[in-house]
Structures are given as structure tokens and as C-alpha cells.
């Protein structure tokens, strides 16, 4: 079985192309969430318990703040570059994807 190799640089480039500048808190939180998912892709299934709380602890904030920042990042990407987001995430062709779907689409696009 071949293991996926997550490419952090590609994630940065995709976020910028989606209209998420690096100075936004959601940019950094999204990258960190992708790192957590890369460590164990099964975490995406329990994102509210397996990704947001440890991130909040690491960033010294509430898990709800992490989720909110990623939700706002998802919304901004959907409003700024819906065509690109639609190519990454089929759900985005019809409506704004959920943060979990957004993160999974980014992770999948950034794996070799």
C-alpha cells in the first residue's frame, strides 16, 4: 500500500489561490489542521474531537475558535474563487462546503 505524502508548500499555494492571504488567522489554522490530518487521515471523521481541541490547546484558544476560523476561511475561499474550490471539492459546485469537506479537499489535493 502506497502512503500519501502531504505537501505543505502546495497547501500554501492553494490557499493563496483561493484568496486566503497568509496574514489571516484562518490561513495558519487551516495549515495546522492539514498537518494534523496528514499525521492520521482518519482524524477527518472526528474532526470536532480529534483535530479542533488539540489545535486549540496548542494555539491557546478554544476549539470553537479554531472551528470558526476554519469556517470563515472556507466561506472566504468559496466567495473568492468558487471555480477553483469547485475543482477541489465537488460539493462546492452547488453550495459552500462544510469545513470538514474543505479540509479534506485541500488535503487530498496536496498529497503526492
PDB file of N, CA and C in Angstrom:
ATOM      1  N   UNK A   1       0.846  -1.188   0.000  1.00  0.00           N
ATOM      2  CA  UNK A   1       0.000   0.000   0.000  1.00  0.00           C
ATOM      3  C   UNK A   1       0.882   1.238   0.000  1.00  0.00           C
ATOM      4  N   UNK A   2       0.578   2.170  -0.879  1.00  0.00           N
ATOM      5  CA  UNK A   2       1.354   3.383  -1.012  1.00  0.00           C
ATOM      6  C   UNK A   2       0.874   4.434  -0.021  1.00  0.00           C
ATOM      7  N   UNK A   3       1.818   5.085   0.636  1.00  0.00           N
ATOM      8  CA  UNK A   3       1.467   6.108   1.620  1.00  0.00           C
ATOM      9  C   UNK A   3       1.443   7.479   0.953  1.00  0.00           C
ATOM     10  N   UNK A   4       0.442   8.286   1.292  1.00  0.00           N
ATOM     11  CA  UNK A   4       0.357   9.642   0.767  1.00  0.00           C
ATOM     12  C   UNK A   4       1.384  10.522   1.464  1.00  0.00           C
ATOM     13  N   UNK A   5       2.002  11.400   0.696  1.00  0.00           N
ATOM     14  CA  UNK A   5       2.939  12.367   1.254  1.00  0.00           C
ATOM     15  C   UNK A   5       2.326  13.748   1.090  1.00  0.00           C
ATOM     16  N   UNK A   6       2.052  14.385   2.224  1.00  0.00           N
ATOM     17  CA  UNK A   6       1.415  15.695   2.247  1.00  0.00           C
ATOM     18  C   UNK A   6       2.445  16.763   1.886  1.00  0.00           C
ATOM     19  N   UNK A   7       2.074  17.668   0.985  1.00  0.00           N
ATOM     20  CA  UNK A   7       2.942  18.753   0.514  1.00  0.00           C
ATOM     21  C   UNK A   7       2.441  20.089   1.076  1.00  0.00           C
ATOM     22  N   UNK A   8       3.098  20.561   2.129  1.00  0.00           N
ATOM     23  CA  UNK A   8       2.698  21.798   2.804  1.00  0.00           C
ATOM     24  C   UNK A   8       2.813  23.006   1.873  1.00  0.00           C
ATOM     25  N   UNK A   9       3.823  23.030   1.025  1.00  0.00           N
ATOM     26  CA  UNK A   9       4.001  24.157   0.106  1.00  0.00           C
ATOM     27  C   UNK A   9       2.833  24.244  -0.872  1.00  0.00           C
ATOM     28  N   UNK A  10       2.378  23.106  -1.346  1.00  0.00           N
ATOM     29  CA  UNK A  10       1.226  23.099  -2.258  1.00  0.00           C
ATOM     30  C   UNK A  10      -0.021  23.613  -1.539  1.00  0.00           C
ATOM     31  N   UNK A  11      -0.175  23.258  -0.260  1.00  0.00           N
ATOM     32  CA  UNK A  11      -1.312  23.754   0.519  1.00  0.00           C
ATOM     33  C   UNK A  11      -1.260  25.276   0.625  1.00  0.00           C
ATOM     34  N   UNK A  12      -0.079  25.818   0.873  1.00  0.00           N
ATOM     35  CA  UNK A  12       0.080  27.275   0.947  1.00  0.00           C
ATOM     36  C   UNK A  12      -0.298  27.934  -0.376  1.00  0.00           C
ATOM     37  N   UNK A  13       0.159  27.355  -1.471  1.00  0.00           N
ATOM     38  CA  UNK A  13      -0.148  27.900  -2.794  1.00  0.00           C
ATOM     39  C   UNK A  13      -1.643  27.835  -3.094  1.00  0.00           C
ATOM     40  N   UNK A  14      -2.278  26.727  -2.725  1.00  0.00           N
ATOM     41  CA  UNK A  14      -3.722  26.599  -2.944  1.00  0.00           C
ATOM     42  C   UNK A  14      -4.502  27.620  -2.118  1.00  0.00           C
ATOM     43  N   UNK A  15      -4.128  27.790  -0.866  1.00  0.00           N
ATOM     44  CA  UNK A  15      -4.824  28.771  -0.029  1.00  0.00           C
ATOM     45  C   UNK A  15      -4.700  30.172  -0.619  1.00  0.00           C
ATOM     46  N   UNK A  16      -3.512  30.523  -1.074  1.00  0.00           N
ATOM     47  CA  UNK A  16      -3.320  31.846  -1.693  1.00  0.00           C
ATOM     48  C   UNK A  16      -4.179  31.970  -2.951  1.00  0.00           C
ATOM     49  N   UNK A  17      -4.211  30.908  -3.778  1.00  0.00           N
ATOM     50  CA  UNK A  17      -5.017  30.927  -4.999  1.00  0.00           C
ATOM     51  C   UNK A  17      -6.508  31.016  -4.688  1.00  0.00           C
ATOM     52  N   UNK A  18      -6.902  30.498  -3.530  1.00  0.00           N
ATOM     53  CA  UNK A  18      -8.305  30.566  -3.116  1.00  0.00           C
ATOM     54  C   UNK A  18      -8.650  31.910  -2.467  1.00  0.00           C
ATOM     55  N   UNK A  19      -7.678  32.813  -2.392  1.00  0.00           N
ATOM     56  CA  UNK A  19      -7.936  34.140  -1.839  1.00  0.00           C
ATOM     57  C   UNK A  19      -7.769  34.214  -0.333  1.00  0.00           C
ATOM     58  N   UNK A  20      -6.989  33.296   0.227  1.00  0.00           N
ATOM     59  CA  UNK A  20      -6.742  33.287   1.668  1.00  0.00           C
ATOM     60  C   UNK A  20      -5.313  33.782   1.893  1.00  0.00           C
ATOM     61  N   UNK A  21      -5.133  35.051   2.242  1.00  0.00           N
ATOM     62  CA  UNK A  21      -3.783  35.570   2.457  1.00  0.00           C
ATOM     63  C   UNK A  21      -3.170  35.034   3.755  1.00  0.00           C
ATOM     64  N   UNK A  22      -1.863  34.968   3.774  1.00  0.00           N
ATOM     65  CA  UNK A  22      -1.147  34.356   4.893  1.00  0.00           C
ATOM     66  C   UNK A  22      -1.281  35.124   6.205  1.00  0.00           C
ATOM     67  N   UNK A  23      -1.694  36.381   6.162  1.00  0.00           N
ATOM     68  CA  UNK A  23      -1.824  37.140   7.402  1.00  0.00           C
ATOM     69  C   UNK A  23      -3.118  36.829   8.168  1.00  0.00           C
ATOM     70  N   UNK A  24      -4.042  36.114   7.546  1.00  0.00           N
ATOM     71  CA  UNK A  24      -5.281  35.759   8.243  1.00  0.00           C
ATOM     72  C   UNK A  24      -5.043  34.597   9.201  1.00  0.00           C
ATOM     73  N   UNK A  25      -5.662  34.658  10.350  1.00  0.00           N
ATOM     74  CA  UNK A  25      -5.520  33.591  11.346  1.00  0.00           C
ATOM     75  C   UNK A  25      -6.015  32.249  10.794  1.00  0.00           C
ATOM     76  N   UNK A  26      -7.055  32.301   9.989  1.00  0.00           N
ATOM     77  CA  UNK A  26      -7.599  31.083   9.403  1.00  0.00           C
ATOM     78  C   UNK A  26      -6.629  30.389   8.463  1.00  0.00           C
ATOM     79  N   UNK A  27      -5.740  31.146   7.851  1.00  0.00           N
ATOM     80  CA  UNK A  27      -4.711  30.573   6.973  1.00  0.00           C
ATOM     81  C   UNK A  27      -3.817  29.639   7.779  1.00  0.00           C
ATOM     82  N   UNK A  28      -3.287  30.158   8.891  1.00  0.00           N
ATOM     83  CA  UNK A  28      -2.405  29.359   9.742  1.00  0.00           C
ATOM     84  C   UNK A  28      -3.157  28.181  10.363  1.00  0.00           C
ATOM     85  N   UNK A  29      -4.382  28.411  10.785  1.00  0.00           N
ATOM     86  CA  UNK A  29      -5.165  27.326  11.397  1.00  0.00           C
ATOM     87  C   UNK A  29      -5.488  26.240  10.389  1.00  0.00           C
ATOM     88  N   UNK A  30      -5.763  26.622   9.160  1.00  0.00           N
ATOM     89  CA  UNK A  30      -6.047  25.638   8.124  1.00  0.00           C
ATOM     90  C   UNK A  30      -4.812  24.796   7.847  1.00  0.00           C
ATOM     91  N   UNK A  31      -3.650  25.430   7.753  1.00  0.00           N
ATOM     92  CA  UNK A  31      -2.415  24.679   7.538  1.00  0.00           C
ATOM     93  C   UNK A  31      -2.138  23.719   8.691  1.00  0.00           C
ATOM     94  N   UNK A  32      -2.377  24.178   9.908  1.00  0.00           N
ATOM     95  CA  UNK A  32      -2.154  23.319  11.067  1.00  0.00           C
ATOM     96  C   UNK A  32      -3.138  22.143  11.061  1.00  0.00           C
ATOM     97  N   UNK A  33      -4.389  22.412  10.722  1.00  0.00           N
ATOM     98  CA  UNK A  33      -5.390  21.338  10.641  1.00  0.00           C
ATOM     99  C   UNK A  33      -4.974  20.312   9.591  1.00  0.00           C
ATOM    100  N   UNK A  34      -4.443  20.777   8.477  1.00  0.00           N
ATOM    101  CA  UNK A  34      -3.988  19.858   7.433  1.00  0.00           C
ATOM    102  C   UNK A  34      -2.825  18.999   7.926  1.00  0.00           C
ATOM    103  N   UNK A  35      -1.963  19.568   8.750  1.00  0.00           N
ATOM    104  CA  UNK A  35      -0.860  18.794   9.327  1.00  0.00           C
ATOM    105  C   UNK A  35      -1.390  17.703  10.263  1.00  0.00           C
ATOM    106  N   UNK A  36      -2.385  18.047  11.073  1.00  0.00           N
ATOM    107  CA  UNK A  36      -2.998  17.054  11.963  1.00  0.00           C
ATOM    108  C   UNK A  36      -3.629  15.932  11.141  1.00  0.00           C
ATOM    109  N   UNK A  37      -4.296  16.303  10.060  1.00  0.00           N
ATOM    110  CA  UNK A  37      -4.934  15.303   9.200  1.00  0.00           C
ATOM    111  C   UNK A  37      -3.873  14.456   8.498  1.00  0.00           C
ATOM    112  N   UNK A  38      -2.780  15.082   8.071  1.00  0.00           N
ATOM    113  CA  UNK A  38      -1.699  14.338   7.415  1.00  0.00           C
ATOM    114  C   UNK A  38      -1.077  13.305   8.353  1.00  0.00           C
ATOM    115  N   UNK A  39      -1.010  13.633   9.655  1.00  0.00           N
ATOM    116  CA  UNK A  39      -0.473  12.689  10.635  1.00  0.00           C
ATOM    117  C   UNK A  39      -1.338  11.433  10.733  1.00  0.00           C
ATOM    118  N   UNK A  40      -2.655  11.619  10.592  1.00  0.00           N
ATOM    119  CA  UNK A  40      -3.590  10.482  10.625  1.00  0.00           C
ATOM    120  C   UNK A  40      -4.865  10.894   9.888  1.00  0.00           C
ATOM    121  N   UNK A  41      -4.979  10.547   8.607  1.00  0.00           N
ATOM    122  CA  UNK A  41      -6.137  10.955   7.813  1.00  0.00           C
ATOM    123  C   UNK A  41      -7.492  10.544   8.391  1.00  0.00           C
ATOM    124  N   UNK A  42      -7.514   9.531   9.255  1.00  0.00           N
ATOM    125  CA  UNK A  42      -8.788   9.121   9.865  1.00  0.00           C
ATOM    126  C   UNK A  42      -9.338  10.194  10.802  1.00  0.00           C
ATOM    127  N   UNK A  43      -8.506  11.123  11.211  1.00  0.00           N
ATOM    128  CA  UNK A  43      -8.960  12.203  12.102  1.00  0.00           C
ATOM    129  C   UNK A  43     -10.063  13.046  11.479  1.00  0.00           C
ATOM    130  N   UNK A  44     -10.114  13.077  10.157  1.00  0.00           N
ATOM    131  CA  UNK A  44     -11.130  13.891   9.486  1.00  0.00           C
ATOM    132  C   UNK A  44     -12.529  13.433   9.871  1.00  0.00           C
ATOM    133  N   UNK A  45     -12.690  12.161  10.197  1.00  0.00           N
ATOM    134  CA  UNK A  45     -14.002  11.621  10.558  1.00  0.00           C
ATOM    135  C   UNK A  45     -14.491  12.163  11.895  1.00  0.00           C
ATOM    136  N   UNK A  46     -13.582  12.496  12.775  1.00  0.00           N
ATOM    137  CA  UNK A  46     -13.952  13.033  14.083  1.00  0.00           C
ATOM    138  C   UNK A  46     -13.291  14.378  14.312  1.00  0.00           C
ATOM    139  N   UNK A  47     -13.397  15.239  13.324  1.00  0.00           N
ATOM    140  CA  UNK A  47     -12.654  16.492  13.330  1.00  0.00           C
ATOM    141  C   UNK A  47     -12.928  17.353  14.568  1.00  0.00           C
ATOM    142  N   UNK A  48     -14.165  17.335  15.044  1.00  0.00           N
ATOM    143  CA  UNK A  48     -14.506  18.170  16.209  1.00  0.00           C
ATOM    144  C   UNK A  48     -13.896  17.654  17.502  1.00  0.00           C
ATOM    145  N   UNK A  49     -13.476  16.406  17.521  1.00  0.00           N
ATOM    146  CA  UNK A  49     -12.876  15.857  18.736  1.00  0.00           C
ATOM    147  C   UNK A  49     -11.390  15.547  18.559  1.00  0.00           C
ATOM    148  N   UNK A  50     -10.982  15.245  17.336  1.00  0.00           N
ATOM    149  CA  UNK A  50      -9.613  14.805  17.109  1.00  0.00           C
ATOM    150  C   UNK A  50      -8.707  15.846  16.475  1.00  0.00           C
ATOM    151  N   UNK A  51      -9.264  16.940  16.002  1.00  0.00           N
ATOM    152  CA  UNK A  51      -8.440  17.980  15.373  1.00  0.00           C
ATOM    153  C   UNK A  51      -8.608  19.322  16.087  1.00  0.00           C
ATOM    154  N   UNK A  52      -9.834  19.807  16.199  1.00  0.00           N
ATOM    155  CA  UNK A  52     -10.045  21.141  16.771  1.00  0.00           C
ATOM    156  C   UNK A  52      -9.568  21.282  18.224  1.00  0.00           C
ATOM    157  N   UNK A  53      -9.899  20.350  19.137  1.00  0.00           N
ATOM    158  CA  UNK A  53      -9.437  20.520  20.526  1.00  0.00           C
ATOM    159  C   UNK A  53      -7.907  20.517  20.679  1.00  0.00           C
ATOM    160  N   UNK A  54      -7.176  19.564  20.047  1.00  0.00           N
ATOM    161  CA  UNK A  54      -5.723  19.635  20.194  1.00  0.00           C
ATOM    162  C   UNK A  54      -5.124  20.891  19.570  1.00  0.00           C
ATOM    163  N   UNK A  55      -5.726  21.355  18.487  1.00  0.00           N
ATOM    164  CA  UNK A  55      -5.256  22.604  17.887  1.00  0.00           C
ATOM    165  C   UNK A  55      -5.489  23.771  18.833  1.00  0.00           C
ATOM    166  N   UNK A  56      -6.683  23.813  19.427  1.00  0.00           N
ATOM    167  CA  UNK A  56      -6.992  24.880  20.372  1.00  0.00           C
ATOM    168  C   UNK A  56      -6.025  24.889  21.535  1.00  0.00           C
ATOM    169  N   UNK A  57      -5.714  23.715  22.028  1.00  0.00           N
ATOM    170  CA  UNK A  57      -4.763  23.609  23.135  1.00  0.00           C
ATOM    171  C   UNK A  57      -3.381  24.124  22.711  1.00  0.00           C
ATOM    172  N   UNK A  58      -2.969  23.727  21.537  1.00  0.00           N
ATOM    173  CA  UNK A  58      -1.656  24.157  21.025  1.00  0.00           C
ATOM    174  C   UNK A  58      -1.608  25.667  20.787  1.00  0.00           C
ATOM    175  N   UNK A  59      -2.712  26.223  20.298  1.00  0.00           N
ATOM    176  CA  UNK A  59      -2.767  27.651  19.972  1.00  0.00           C
ATOM    177  C   UNK A  59      -3.283  28.500  21.130  1.00  0.00           C
ATOM    178  N   UNK A  60      -3.577  27.856  22.250  1.00  0.00           N
ATOM    179  CA  UNK A  60      -4.077  28.520  23.451  1.00  0.00           C
ATOM    180  C   UNK A  60      -5.374  29.291  23.170  1.00  0.00           C
ATOM    181  N   UNK A  61      -6.297  28.575  22.555  1.00  0.00           N
ATOM    182  CA  UNK A  61      -7.622  29.141  22.312  1.00  0.00           C
ATOM    183  C   UNK A  61      -8.636  28.009  22.404  1.00  0.00           C
ATOM    184  N   UNK A  62      -9.878  28.352  22.310  1.00  0.00           N
ATOM    185  CA  UNK A  62     -10.976  27.397  22.391  1.00  0.00           C
ATOM    186  C   UNK A  62     -11.111  26.634  21.070  1.00  0.00           C
ATOM    187  N   UNK A  63     -11.533  25.386  21.140  1.00  0.00           N
ATOM    188  CA  UNK A  63     -11.766  24.595  19.929  1.00  0.00           C
ATOM    189  C   UNK A  63     -12.805  25.265  19.036  1.00  0.00           C
ATOM    190  N   UNK A  64     -13.770  25.952  19.641  1.00  0.00           N
ATOM    191  CA  UNK A  64     -14.792  26.662  18.854  1.00  0.00           C
ATOM    192  C   UNK A  64     -14.166  27.799  18.046  1.00  0.00           C
ATOM    193  N   UNK A  65     -13.115  28.421  18.584  1.00  0.00           N
ATOM    194  CA  UNK A  65     -12.421  29.492  17.856  1.00  0.00           C
ATOM    195  C   UNK A  65     -11.703  28.914  16.638  1.00  0.00           C
ATOM    196  N   UNK A  66     -11.138  27.734  16.815  1.00  0.00           N
ATOM    197  CA  UNK A  66     -10.465  27.054  15.696  1.00  0.00           C
ATOM    198  C   UNK A  66     -11.493  26.733  14.617  1.00  0.00           C
ATOM    199  N   UNK A  67     -12.596  26.129  15.025  1.00  0.00           N
ATOM    200  CA  UNK A  67     -13.631  25.769  14.065  1.00  0.00           C
ATOM    201  C   UNK A  67     -14.177  27.011  13.352  1.00  0.00           C
ATOM    202  N   UNK A  68     -14.396  28.081  14.090  1.00  0.00           N
ATOM    203  CA  UNK A  68     -14.907  29.317  13.494  1.00  0.00           C
ATOM    204  C   UNK A  68     -13.947  29.907  12.476  1.00  0.00           C
ATOM    205  N   UNK A  69     -12.663  29.897  12.794  1.00  0.00           N
ATOM    206  CA  UNK A  69     -11.664  30.441  11.864  1.00  0.00           C
ATOM    207  C   UNK A  69     -11.611  29.616  10.579  1.00  0.00           C
ATOM    208  N   UNK A  70     -11.691  28.310  10.712  1.00  0.00           N
ATOM    209  CA  UNK A  70     -11.669  27.460   9.520  1.00  0.00           C
ATOM    210  C   UNK A  70     -12.971  27.598   8.739  1.00  0.00           C
ATOM    211  N   UNK A  71     -14.071  27.787   9.436  1.00  0.00           N
ATOM    212  CA  UNK A  71     -15.365  28.016   8.764  1.00  0.00           C
ATOM    213  C   UNK A  71     -15.316  29.326   7.957  1.00  0.00           C
ATOM    214  N   UNK A  72     -14.757  30.372   8.548  1.00  0.00           N
ATOM    215  CA  UNK A  72     -14.628  31.655   7.833  1.00  0.00           C
ATOM    216  C   UNK A  72     -13.671  31.535   6.644  1.00  0.00           C
ATOM    217  N   UNK A  73     -12.633  30.762   6.806  1.00  0.00           N
ATOM    218  CA  UNK A  73     -11.688  30.534   5.708  1.00  0.00           C
ATOM    219  C   UNK A  73     -12.379  29.802   4.561  1.00  0.00           C
ATOM    220  N   UNK A  74     -13.177  28.812   4.900  1.00  0.00           N
ATOM    221  CA  UNK A  74     -13.941  28.074   3.889  1.00  0.00           C
ATOM    222  C   UNK A  74     -14.870  29.014   3.136  1.00  0.00           C
ATOM    223  N   UNK A  75     -15.577  29.855   3.874  1.00  0.00           N
ATOM    224  CA  UNK A  75     -16.512  30.798   3.257  1.00  0.00           C
ATOM    225  C   UNK A  75     -15.788  31.794   2.349  1.00  0.00           C
ATOM    226  N   UNK A  76     -14.652  32.288   2.815  1.00  0.00           N
ATOM    227  CA  UNK A  76     -13.894  33.244   2.009  1.00  0.00           C
ATOM    228  C   UNK A  76     -13.413  32.597   0.712  1.00  0.00           C
ATOM    229  N   UNK A  77     -12.923  31.374   0.799  1.00  0.00           N
ATOM    230  CA  UNK A  77     -12.462  30.662  -0.396  1.00  0.00           C
ATOM    231  C   UNK A  77     -13.624  30.460  -1.374  1.00  0.00           C
ATOM    232  N   UNK A  78     -14.778  30.124  -0.832  1.00  0.00           N
ATOM    233  CA  UNK A  78     -15.951  29.880  -1.680  1.00  0.00           C
ATOM    234  C   UNK A  78     -16.409  31.160  -2.374  1.00  0.00           C
ATOM    235  N   UNK A  79     -16.321  32.278  -1.676  1.00  0.00           N
ATOM    236  CA  UNK A  79     -16.730  33.554  -2.265  1.00  0.00           C
ATOM    237  C   UNK A  79     -15.678  34.109  -3.222  1.00  0.00           C
ATOM    238  N   UNK A  80     -14.400  33.890  -2.912  1.00  0.00           N
ATOM    239  CA  UNK A  80     -13.320  34.487  -3.689  1.00  0.00           C
ATOM    240  C   UNK A  80     -13.006  33.721  -4.966  1.00  0.00           C
ATOM    241  N   UNK A  81     -12.912  32.415  -4.881  1.00  0.00           N
ATOM    242  CA  UNK A  81     -12.557  31.617  -6.053  1.00  0.00           C
ATOM    243  C   UNK A  81     -13.393  30.333  -6.102  1.00  0.00           C
ATOM    244  N   UNK A  82     -14.692  30.494  -6.362  1.00  0.00           N
ATOM    245  CA  UNK A  82     -15.559  29.307  -6.374  1.00  0.00           C
ATOM    246  C   UNK A  82     -15.192  28.304  -7.470  1.00  0.00           C
ATOM    247  N   UNK A  83     -14.627  28.775  -8.579  1.00  0.00           N
ATOM    248  CA  UNK A  83     -14.265  27.853  -9.665  1.00  0.00           C
ATOM    249  C   UNK A  83     -13.167  26.894  -9.207  1.00  0.00           C
ATOM    250  N   UNK A  84     -12.122  27.428  -8.602  1.00  0.00           N
ATOM    251  CA  UNK A  84     -11.035  26.578  -8.114  1.00  0.00           C
ATOM    252  C   UNK A  84     -11.528  25.667  -6.996  1.00  0.00           C
ATOM    253  N   UNK A  85     -12.296  26.214  -6.085  1.00  0.00           N
ATOM    254  CA  UNK A  85     -12.813  25.396  -4.985  1.00  0.00           C
ATOM    255  C   UNK A  85     -13.701  24.278  -5.526  1.00  0.00           C
ATOM    256  N   UNK A  86     -14.456  24.584  -6.566  1.00  0.00           N
ATOM    257  CA  UNK A  86     -15.312  23.570  -7.190  1.00  0.00           C
ATOM    258  C   UNK A  86     -14.524  22.447  -7.831  1.00  0.00           C
ATOM    259  N   UNK A  87     -13.316  22.748  -8.326  1.00  0.00           N
ATOM    260  CA  UNK A  87     -12.479  21.683  -8.895  1.00  0.00           C
ATOM    261  C   UNK A  87     -11.871  20.815  -7.792  1.00  0.00           C
ATOM    262  N   UNK A  88     -11.676  21.396  -6.618  1.00  0.00           N
ATOM    263  CA  UNK A  88     -11.100  20.658  -5.492  1.00  0.00           C
ATOM    264  C   UNK A  88     -12.152  19.858  -4.736  1.00  0.00           C
ATOM    265  N   UNK A  89     -13.352  20.441  -4.640  1.00  0.00           N
ATOM    266  CA  UNK A  89     -14.395  19.877  -3.792  1.00  0.00           C
ATOM    267  C   UNK A  89     -15.706  19.892  -4.565  1.00  0.00           C
ATOM    268  N   UNK A  90     -16.160  18.718  -4.952  1.00  0.00           N
ATOM    269  CA  UNK A  90     -17.370  18.620  -5.769  1.00  0.00           C
ATOM    270  C   UNK A  90     -18.566  19.317  -5.113  1.00  0.00           C
ATOM    271  N   UNK A  91     -18.678  19.229  -3.798  1.00  0.00           N
ATOM    272  CA  UNK A  91     -19.778  19.860  -3.071  1.00  0.00           C
ATOM    273  C   UNK A  91     -19.829  21.373  -3.320  1.00  0.00           C
ATOM    274  N   UNK A  92     -18.662  21.985  -3.527  1.00  0.00           N
ATOM    275  CA  UNK A  92     -18.580  23.436  -3.695  1.00  0.00           C
ATOM    276  C   UNK A  92     -19.170  23.910  -5.017  1.00  0.00           C
ATOM    277  N   UNK A  93     -19.469  22.996  -5.900  1.00  0.00           N
ATOM    278  CA  UNK A  93     -20.088  23.395  -7.168  1.00  0.00           C
ATOM    279  C   UNK A  93     -21.526  23.857  -6.968  1.00  0.00           C
ATOM    280  N   UNK A  94     -22.162  23.328  -5.921  1.00  0.00           N
ATOM    281  CA  UNK A  94     -23.558  23.652  -5.645  1.00  0.00           C
ATOM    282  C   UNK A  94     -23.727  24.654  -4.503  1.00  0.00           C
ATOM    283  N   UNK A  95     -22.942  24.486  -3.442  1.00  0.00           N
ATOM    284  CA  UNK A  95     -23.056  25.366  -2.271  1.00  0.00           C
ATOM    285  C   UNK A  95     -21.756  25.319  -1.481  1.00  0.00           C
ATOM    286  N   UNK A  96     -21.643  26.213  -0.547  1.00  0.00           N
ATOM    287  CA  UNK A  96     -20.427  26.303   0.262  1.00  0.00           C
ATOM    288  C   UNK A  96     -20.205  24.980   0.998  1.00  0.00           C
ATOM    289  N   UNK A  97     -18.993  24.428   0.886  1.00  0.00           N
ATOM    290  CA  UNK A  97     -18.740  23.154   1.577  1.00  0.00           C
ATOM    291  C   UNK A  97     -18.603  23.345   3.084  1.00  0.00           C
ATOM    292  N   UNK A  98     -18.802  22.285   3.803  1.00  0.00           N
ATOM    293  CA  UNK A  98     -18.560  22.281   5.244  1.00  0.00           C
ATOM    294  C   UNK A  98     -17.051  22.335   5.460  1.00  0.00           C
ATOM    295  N   UNK A  99     -16.605  22.879   6.589  1.00  0.00           N
ATOM    296  CA  UNK A  99     -15.163  22.943   6.848  1.00  0.00           C
ATOM    297  C   UNK A  99     -14.467  21.587   6.722  1.00  0.00           C
ATOM    298  N   UNK A 100     -15.108  20.521   7.183  1.00  0.00           N
ATOM    299  CA  UNK A 100     -14.513  19.193   7.077  1.00  0.00           C
ATOM    300  C   UNK A 100     -14.276  18.819   5.619  1.00  0.00           C
ATOM    301  N   UNK A 101     -15.245  19.096   4.748  1.00  0.00           N
ATOM    302  CA  UNK A 101     -15.105  18.782   3.326  1.00  0.00           C
ATOM    303  C   UNK A 101     -14.040  19.663   2.673  1.00  0.00           C
ATOM    304  N   UNK A 102     -13.987  20.919   3.088  1.00  0.00           N
ATOM    305  CA  UNK A 102     -12.973  21.852   2.599  1.00  0.00           C
ATOM    306  C   UNK A 102     -11.575  21.344   2.955  1.00  0.00           C
ATOM    307  N   UNK A 103     -11.377  20.975   4.217  1.00  0.00           N
ATOM    308  CA  UNK A 103     -10.072  20.478   4.664  1.00  0.00           C
ATOM    309  C   UNK A 103      -9.699  19.187   3.942  1.00  0.00           C
ATOM    310  N   UNK A 104     -10.656  18.290   3.780  1.00  0.00           N
ATOM    311  CA  UNK A 104     -10.363  17.033   3.119  1.00  0.00           C
ATOM    312  C   UNK A 104      -9.994  17.264   1.659  1.00  0.00           C
ATOM    313  N   UNK A 105     -10.692  18.181   0.977  1.00  0.00           N
ATOM    314  CA  UNK A 105     -10.382  18.504  -0.414  1.00  0.00           C
ATOM    315  C   UNK A 105      -8.975  19.083  -0.532  1.00  0.00           C
ATOM    316  N   UNK A 106      -8.629  19.992   0.377  1.00  0.00           N
ATOM    317  CA  UNK A 106      -7.274  20.552   0.358  1.00  0.00           C
ATOM    318  C   UNK A 106      -6.236  19.471   0.624  1.00  0.00           C
ATOM    319  N   UNK A 107      -6.476  18.668   1.642  1.00  0.00           N
ATOM    320  CA  UNK A 107      -5.536  17.594   1.966  1.00  0.00           C
ATOM    321  C   UNK A 107      -5.349  16.670   0.767  1.00  0.00           C
ATOM    322  N   UNK A 108      -6.441  16.256   0.155  1.00  0.00           N
ATOM    323  CA  UNK A 108      -6.367  15.348  -0.994  1.00  0.00           C
ATOM    324  C   UNK A 108      -5.604  15.966  -2.156  1.00  0.00           C
ATOM    325  N   UNK A 109      -5.805  17.253  -2.376  1.00  0.00           N
ATOM    326  CA  UNK A 109      -5.124  17.949  -3.464  1.00  0.00           C
ATOM    327  C   UNK A 109      -3.633  18.145  -3.183  1.00  0.00           C
ATOM    328  N   UNK A 110      -3.251  18.063  -1.921  1.00  0.00           N
ATOM    329  CA  UNK A 110      -1.862  18.324  -1.542  1.00  0.00           C
ATOM    330  C   UNK A 110      -1.073  17.058  -1.238  1.00  0.00           C
ATOM    331  N   UNK A 111      -1.601  15.922  -1.594  1.00  0.00           N
ATOM    332  CA  UNK A 111      -0.898  14.658  -1.375  1.00  0.00           C
ATOM    333  C   UNK A 111      -0.292  14.169  -2.688  1.00  0.00           C
ATOM    334  N   UNK A 112       0.889  13.619  -2.561  1.00  0.00           N
ATOM    335  CA  UNK A 112       1.587  13.055  -3.732  1.00  0.00           C
ATOM    336  C   UNK A 112       1.419  11.551  -3.713  1.00  0.00           C
TER     337      UNK A 112
END
